[in-house]
Amino acid sequence: MSEKWVNRLSDDLDEAGVKEECPRCAQTEWNAQPMHLWVTVGDEPPTNLLGEVKDYFPLAAVVCTNCGFVAFHAGLNE
């Protein structure tokens, strides 16, 4: 994960007024990773016949390093 990505995530969360404290244990140490969420509609598989992913969007998974609470934040690209 790039430093630019981490800085953008931090800036975006600060702008949104997100609190640093974990809602479960109140500690303030987090680990963040970029990821993609695949969207499945109805009974359709998330890939086409060639195995290519059809629909996804970028997310940041932010994990509390104390209790493991996970929060997802949408709209971020690495």
N, C-alpha and C. Protein backbone atom coordinates (compact mmCIF):
# COMPACT_ATOMS: atom_id res chain seq x y z
N MET A 1 0.84 -1.16 0.00
CA MET A 1 0.00 0.00 0.00
C MET A 1 0.89 1.23 0.00
N SER A 2 0.59 2.16 -0.86
CA SER A 2 1.44 3.33 -1.01
C SER A 2 1.18 4.37 0.08
N GLU A 3 2.19 5.19 0.35
CA GLU A 3 2.05 6.27 1.33
C GLU A 3 0.99 7.26 0.86
N LYS A 4 0.93 7.48 -0.46
CA LYS A 4 -0.08 8.39 -1.02
C LYS A 4 -1.49 7.88 -0.71
N TRP A 5 -1.71 6.58 -0.85
CA TRP A 5 -3.01 5.98 -0.58
C TRP A 5 -3.38 6.16 0.90
N VAL A 6 -2.43 5.88 1.80
CA VAL A 6 -2.67 6.02 3.24
C VAL A 6 -3.00 7.47 3.58
N ASN A 7 -2.26 8.42 3.01
CA ASN A 7 -2.52 9.84 3.26
C ASN A 7 -3.90 10.25 2.76
N ARG A 8 -4.29 9.74 1.59
CA ARG A 8 -5.61 10.08 1.05
C ARG A 8 -6.70 9.52 1.94
N LEU A 9 -6.54 8.27 2.39
CA LEU A 9 -7.52 7.67 3.29
C LEU A 9 -7.65 8.50 4.56
N SER A 10 -6.52 8.85 5.14
CA SER A 10 -6.52 9.65 6.37
C SER A 10 -7.21 11.00 6.15
N ASP A 11 -6.87 11.66 5.05
CA ASP A 11 -7.49 12.96 4.73
C ASP A 11 -9.00 12.83 4.53
N ASP A 12 -9.42 11.79 3.79
CA ASP A 12 -10.85 11.59 3.53
C ASP A 12 -11.62 11.34 4.82
N LEU A 13 -11.05 10.53 5.71
CA LEU A 13 -11.72 10.23 6.98
C LEU A 13 -11.75 11.46 7.88
N ASP A 14 -10.67 12.24 7.89
CA ASP A 14 -10.64 13.48 8.67
C ASP A 14 -11.71 14.46 8.18
N GLU A 15 -11.80 14.62 6.84
CA GLU A 15 -12.79 15.52 6.26
C GLU A 15 -14.21 15.12 6.61
N ALA A 16 -14.44 13.82 6.70
CA ALA A 16 -15.78 13.31 7.01
C ALA A 16 -16.10 13.38 8.50
N GLY A 17 -15.11 13.74 9.31
CA GLY A 17 -15.33 13.83 10.75
C GLY A 17 -15.35 12.49 11.46
N VAL A 18 -14.71 11.48 10.87
CA VAL A 18 -14.68 10.15 11.47
C VAL A 18 -13.81 10.19 12.73
N LYS A 19 -14.33 9.60 13.81
CA LYS A 19 -13.61 9.56 15.07
C LYS A 19 -12.49 8.51 15.00
N GLU A 20 -11.37 8.79 15.66
CA GLU A 20 -10.25 7.84 15.68
C GLU A 20 -10.52 6.64 16.55
N GLU A 21 -11.35 6.78 17.59
CA GLU A 21 -11.57 5.71 18.53
C GLU A 21 -12.38 4.57 17.92
N CYS A 22 -11.97 3.35 18.22
CA CYS A 22 -12.71 2.17 17.80
C CYS A 22 -14.06 2.16 18.54
N PRO A 23 -15.17 1.92 17.84
CA PRO A 23 -16.47 1.92 18.51
C PRO A 23 -16.67 0.73 19.46
N ARG A 24 -15.80 -0.30 19.35
CA ARG A 24 -15.94 -1.48 20.21
C ARG A 24 -15.06 -1.39 21.45
N CYS A 25 -13.79 -0.96 21.30
CA CYS A 25 -12.85 -1.01 22.44
C CYS A 25 -12.25 0.35 22.79
N ALA A 26 -12.50 1.38 21.99
CA ALA A 26 -12.07 2.76 22.23
C ALA A 26 -10.58 3.01 22.02
N GLN A 27 -9.81 2.05 21.56
CA GLN A 27 -8.40 2.32 21.28
C GLN A 27 -8.28 3.02 19.93
N THR A 28 -7.10 3.54 19.59
CA THR A 28 -6.96 4.38 18.39
C THR A 28 -5.90 3.88 17.40
N GLU A 29 -5.51 2.64 17.48
CA GLU A 29 -4.54 2.08 16.53
C GLU A 29 -5.28 1.25 15.48
N TRP A 30 -5.03 1.58 14.20
CA TRP A 30 -5.73 0.93 13.10
C TRP A 30 -4.74 0.44 12.05
N ASN A 31 -5.15 -0.55 11.28
CA ASN A 31 -4.40 -1.03 10.12
C ASN A 31 -5.37 -0.92 8.94
N ALA A 32 -4.90 -0.40 7.81
CA ALA A 32 -5.78 -0.22 6.65
C ALA A 32 -5.20 -0.95 5.44
N GLN A 33 -6.10 -1.54 4.64
CA GLN A 33 -5.71 -2.24 3.43
C GLN A 33 -6.69 -1.90 2.31
N PRO A 34 -6.17 -1.66 1.10
CA PRO A 34 -7.09 -1.47 -0.03
C PRO A 34 -7.68 -2.82 -0.43
N MET A 35 -8.90 -2.81 -0.93
CA MET A 35 -9.53 -4.04 -1.40
C MET A 35 -10.62 -3.68 -2.39
N HIS A 36 -11.19 -4.70 -3.02
CA HIS A 36 -12.32 -4.50 -3.92
C HIS A 36 -13.47 -5.37 -3.45
N LEU A 37 -14.68 -4.85 -3.53
CA LEU A 37 -15.88 -5.59 -3.20
C LEU A 37 -16.57 -5.94 -4.50
N TRP A 38 -16.83 -7.22 -4.68
CA TRP A 38 -17.54 -7.66 -5.87
C TRP A 38 -19.02 -7.68 -5.58
N VAL A 39 -19.81 -7.14 -6.50
CA VAL A 39 -21.25 -7.03 -6.32
C VAL A 39 -21.95 -8.09 -7.14
N THR A 40 -22.78 -8.89 -6.49
CA THR A 40 -23.55 -9.92 -7.18
C THR A 40 -25.02 -9.53 -7.12
N VAL A 41 -25.68 -9.57 -8.27
CA VAL A 41 -27.10 -9.23 -8.33
C VAL A 41 -27.87 -10.52 -8.58
N GLY A 42 -28.81 -10.83 -7.69
CA GLY A 42 -29.62 -12.04 -7.84
C GLY A 42 -28.77 -13.30 -7.83
N ASP A 43 -29.07 -14.20 -8.76
CA ASP A 43 -28.36 -15.48 -8.84
C ASP A 43 -27.19 -15.45 -9.80
N GLU A 44 -26.85 -14.28 -10.33
CA GLU A 44 -25.76 -14.19 -11.30
C GLU A 44 -24.41 -14.30 -10.60
N PRO A 45 -23.47 -15.04 -11.21
CA PRO A 45 -22.12 -15.11 -10.63
C PRO A 45 -21.40 -13.78 -10.81
N PRO A 46 -20.39 -13.49 -9.96
CA PRO A 46 -19.68 -12.21 -10.06
C PRO A 46 -18.70 -12.14 -11.23
N THR A 47 -18.57 -13.21 -12.01
CA THR A 47 -17.66 -13.21 -13.16
C THR A 47 -18.43 -13.56 -14.43
N ASN A 48 -17.87 -13.17 -15.57
CA ASN A 48 -18.48 -13.55 -16.84
C ASN A 48 -17.92 -14.91 -17.27
N LEU A 49 -18.27 -15.36 -18.46
CA LEU A 49 -17.83 -16.68 -18.93
C LEU A 49 -16.32 -16.80 -19.08
N LEU A 50 -15.63 -15.68 -19.24
CA LEU A 50 -14.17 -15.70 -19.37
C LEU A 50 -13.48 -15.62 -18.00
N GLY A 51 -14.25 -15.56 -16.93
CA GLY A 51 -13.67 -15.47 -15.60
C GLY A 51 -13.31 -14.06 -15.17
N GLU A 52 -13.74 -13.07 -15.97
CA GLU A 52 -13.44 -11.67 -15.63
C GLU A 52 -14.50 -11.15 -14.66
N VAL A 53 -14.06 -10.39 -13.67
CA VAL A 53 -14.99 -9.81 -12.71
C VAL A 53 -15.85 -8.77 -13.43
N LYS A 54 -17.16 -8.83 -13.20
CA LYS A 54 -18.08 -7.92 -13.87
C LYS A 54 -18.24 -6.59 -13.15
N ASP A 55 -18.55 -6.62 -11.89
CA ASP A 55 -18.86 -5.39 -11.16
C ASP A 55 -18.13 -5.37 -9.82
N TYR A 56 -17.39 -4.30 -9.57
CA TYR A 56 -16.72 -4.13 -8.29
C TYR A 56 -16.45 -2.66 -8.05
N PHE A 57 -16.18 -2.32 -6.81
CA PHE A 57 -15.76 -0.95 -6.51
C PHE A 57 -14.70 -1.00 -5.41
N PRO A 58 -13.81 -0.01 -5.39
CA PRO A 58 -12.71 -0.01 -4.44
C PRO A 58 -13.17 0.36 -3.03
N LEU A 59 -12.54 -0.27 -2.05
CA LEU A 59 -12.81 0.00 -0.63
C LEU A 59 -11.51 0.06 0.14
N ALA A 60 -11.56 0.68 1.28
CA ALA A 60 -10.48 0.57 2.26
C ALA A 60 -11.05 -0.22 3.43
N ALA A 61 -10.38 -1.31 3.80
CA ALA A 61 -10.74 -2.06 5.00
C ALA A 61 -9.87 -1.52 6.13
N VAL A 62 -10.49 -0.97 7.16
CA VAL A 62 -9.78 -0.40 8.29
C VAL A 62 -10.06 -1.30 9.49
N VAL A 63 -8.98 -1.87 10.07
CA VAL A 63 -9.12 -2.89 11.11
C VAL A 63 -8.48 -2.40 12.42
N CYS A 64 -9.22 -2.50 13.50
CA CYS A 64 -8.70 -2.16 14.82
C CYS A 64 -7.63 -3.19 15.20
N THR A 65 -6.45 -2.72 15.58
CA THR A 65 -5.35 -3.64 15.91
C THR A 65 -5.52 -4.26 17.29
N ASN A 66 -6.49 -3.79 18.07
CA ASN A 66 -6.71 -4.35 19.40
C ASN A 66 -7.79 -5.44 19.39
N CYS A 67 -8.99 -5.10 18.88
CA CYS A 67 -10.11 -6.04 18.98
C CYS A 67 -10.51 -6.67 17.64
N GLY A 68 -9.99 -6.14 16.53
CA GLY A 68 -10.31 -6.71 15.22
C GLY A 68 -11.55 -6.15 14.56
N PHE A 69 -12.17 -5.13 15.15
CA PHE A 69 -13.33 -4.50 14.52
C PHE A 69 -12.94 -4.03 13.11
N VAL A 70 -13.82 -4.25 12.13
CA VAL A 70 -13.54 -3.88 10.74
C VAL A 70 -14.56 -2.85 10.27
N ALA A 71 -14.06 -1.78 9.65
CA ALA A 71 -14.92 -0.78 9.02
C ALA A 71 -14.49 -0.67 7.56
N PHE A 72 -15.44 -0.49 6.67
CA PHE A 72 -15.14 -0.32 5.25
C PHE A 72 -15.45 1.11 4.83
N HIS A 73 -14.58 1.69 4.00
CA HIS A 73 -14.77 3.03 3.48
C HIS A 73 -14.68 2.97 1.97
N ALA A 74 -15.74 3.42 1.29
CA ALA A 74 -15.83 3.31 -0.16
C ALA A 74 -15.22 4.51 -0.87
N GLY A 75 -14.90 4.30 -2.15
CA GLY A 75 -14.49 5.40 -3.01
C GLY A 75 -13.02 5.66 -3.06
N LEU A 76 -12.19 4.74 -2.59
CA LEU A 76 -10.75 4.95 -2.59
C LEU A 76 -10.07 4.04 -3.61
N ASN A 77 -9.14 4.59 -4.32
CA ASN A 77 -8.32 3.81 -5.25
C ASN A 77 -6.89 3.85 -4.78
N GLU A 78 -6.17 2.75 -4.98
CA GLU A 78 -4.76 2.73 -4.58
C GLU A 78 -3.95 3.57 -5.53
